[in-house]
Amino acid sequence: MWERVQAIARDLDVEVEQLAEIALRFCLSHPTASVVIPGMRSTRNVERNVRAAAAGALEASQLAALRRHRWIVDS
């Protein structure tokens, strides 16, 4: 699992610590999503979540990079 996290960060050219922000922005990238409701345990979390939301949707190139990492589960 750690290798997968590192690969995603590498493909997006971000630090692993930025992946929570990327996850929020990924949710906001869907055309029908206008808000996400993340957990917040500290003022720092709130501030970071607000910055992520203000940054808006991910770029098309970032979404394409993430698409390569999707998990397909057979039911």
Protein backbone atom coordinates (compact mmCIF):
# COMPACT_ATOMS: atom_id res chain seq x y z
CA MET A 1 0.00 0.00 0.00
CA TRP A 2 2.83 2.44 0.86
CA GLU A 3 4.37 1.81 -2.55
CA ARG A 4 1.07 2.75 -4.18
CA VAL A 5 0.89 6.00 -2.18
CA GLN A 6 4.44 6.88 -3.16
CA ALA A 7 3.72 6.12 -6.82
CA ILE A 8 0.68 8.42 -6.80
CA ALA A 9 2.67 11.23 -5.18
CA ARG A 10 5.48 10.72 -7.68
CA ASP A 11 3.13 10.75 -10.69
CA LEU A 12 1.48 13.95 -9.44
CA ASP A 13 4.86 15.49 -8.59
CA VAL A 14 3.75 16.27 -5.01
CA GLU A 15 4.91 15.31 -1.55
CA VAL A 16 3.07 12.46 0.18
CA GLU A 17 1.91 14.99 2.78
CA GLN A 18 -0.05 16.81 0.05
CA LEU A 19 -2.21 13.81 -0.82
CA ALA A 20 -4.98 14.74 1.63
CA GLU A 21 -5.36 18.04 -0.22
CA ILE A 22 -5.29 16.19 -3.53
CA ALA A 23 -8.05 13.87 -2.29
CA LEU A 24 -10.30 16.81 -1.40
CA ARG A 25 -9.61 18.49 -4.71
CA PHE A 26 -10.27 15.19 -6.53
CA CYS A 27 -13.76 15.10 -4.99
CA LEU A 28 -14.33 18.70 -6.04
CA SER A 29 -13.25 17.83 -9.58
CA HIS A 30 -16.48 15.96 -10.24
CA PRO A 31 -18.89 18.28 -12.05
CA THR A 32 -21.77 17.52 -9.69
CA ALA A 33 -19.77 18.12 -6.49
CA SER A 34 -19.77 21.59 -5.04
CA VAL A 35 -18.70 20.78 -1.51
CA VAL A 36 -16.86 18.12 0.47
CA ILE A 37 -17.18 17.59 4.20
CA PRO A 38 -13.82 16.41 5.55
CA GLY A 39 -13.06 15.63 9.18
CA MET A 40 -11.31 18.35 11.14
CA ARG A 41 -9.44 17.65 14.35
CA SER A 42 -7.51 20.88 14.65
CA THR A 43 -7.39 24.47 13.48
CA ARG A 44 -4.51 23.47 11.20
CA ASN A 45 -6.74 20.86 9.52
CA VAL A 46 -9.46 23.44 8.97
CA GLU A 47 -7.00 25.90 7.44
CA ARG A 48 -5.53 23.27 5.14
CA ASN A 49 -8.97 22.08 4.06
CA VAL A 50 -10.05 25.65 3.27
CA ARG A 51 -6.90 26.17 1.16
CA ALA A 52 -7.57 22.90 -0.69
CA ALA A 53 -11.16 23.90 -1.42
CA ALA A 54 -10.06 27.35 -2.57
CA ALA A 55 -7.59 25.72 -4.98
CA GLY A 56 -10.56 24.07 -6.69
CA ALA A 57 -10.67 21.13 -9.03
CA LEU A 58 -7.57 19.27 -10.14
CA GLU A 59 -6.09 19.91 -13.56
CA ALA A 60 -6.94 17.50 -16.38
CA SER A 61 -3.36 16.18 -16.35
CA GLN A 62 -3.62 15.40 -12.62
CA LEU A 63 -6.93 13.60 -13.12
CA ALA A 64 -5.38 11.58 -15.95
CA ALA A 65 -2.46 10.62 -13.69
CA LEU A 66 -4.85 9.53 -10.95
CA ARG A 67 -6.93 7.52 -13.42
CA ARG A 68 -3.89 5.30 -14.02
CA HIS A 69 -3.95 4.37 -10.31
CA ARG A 70 -7.62 3.44 -10.00
CA TRP A 71 -8.50 0.14 -8.40
CA ILE A 72 -10.85 -2.04 -10.37
CA VAL A 73 -12.65 -4.52 -8.13
CA ASP A 74 -14.44 -7.49 -9.60
CA SER A 75 -17.74 -8.14 -7.88
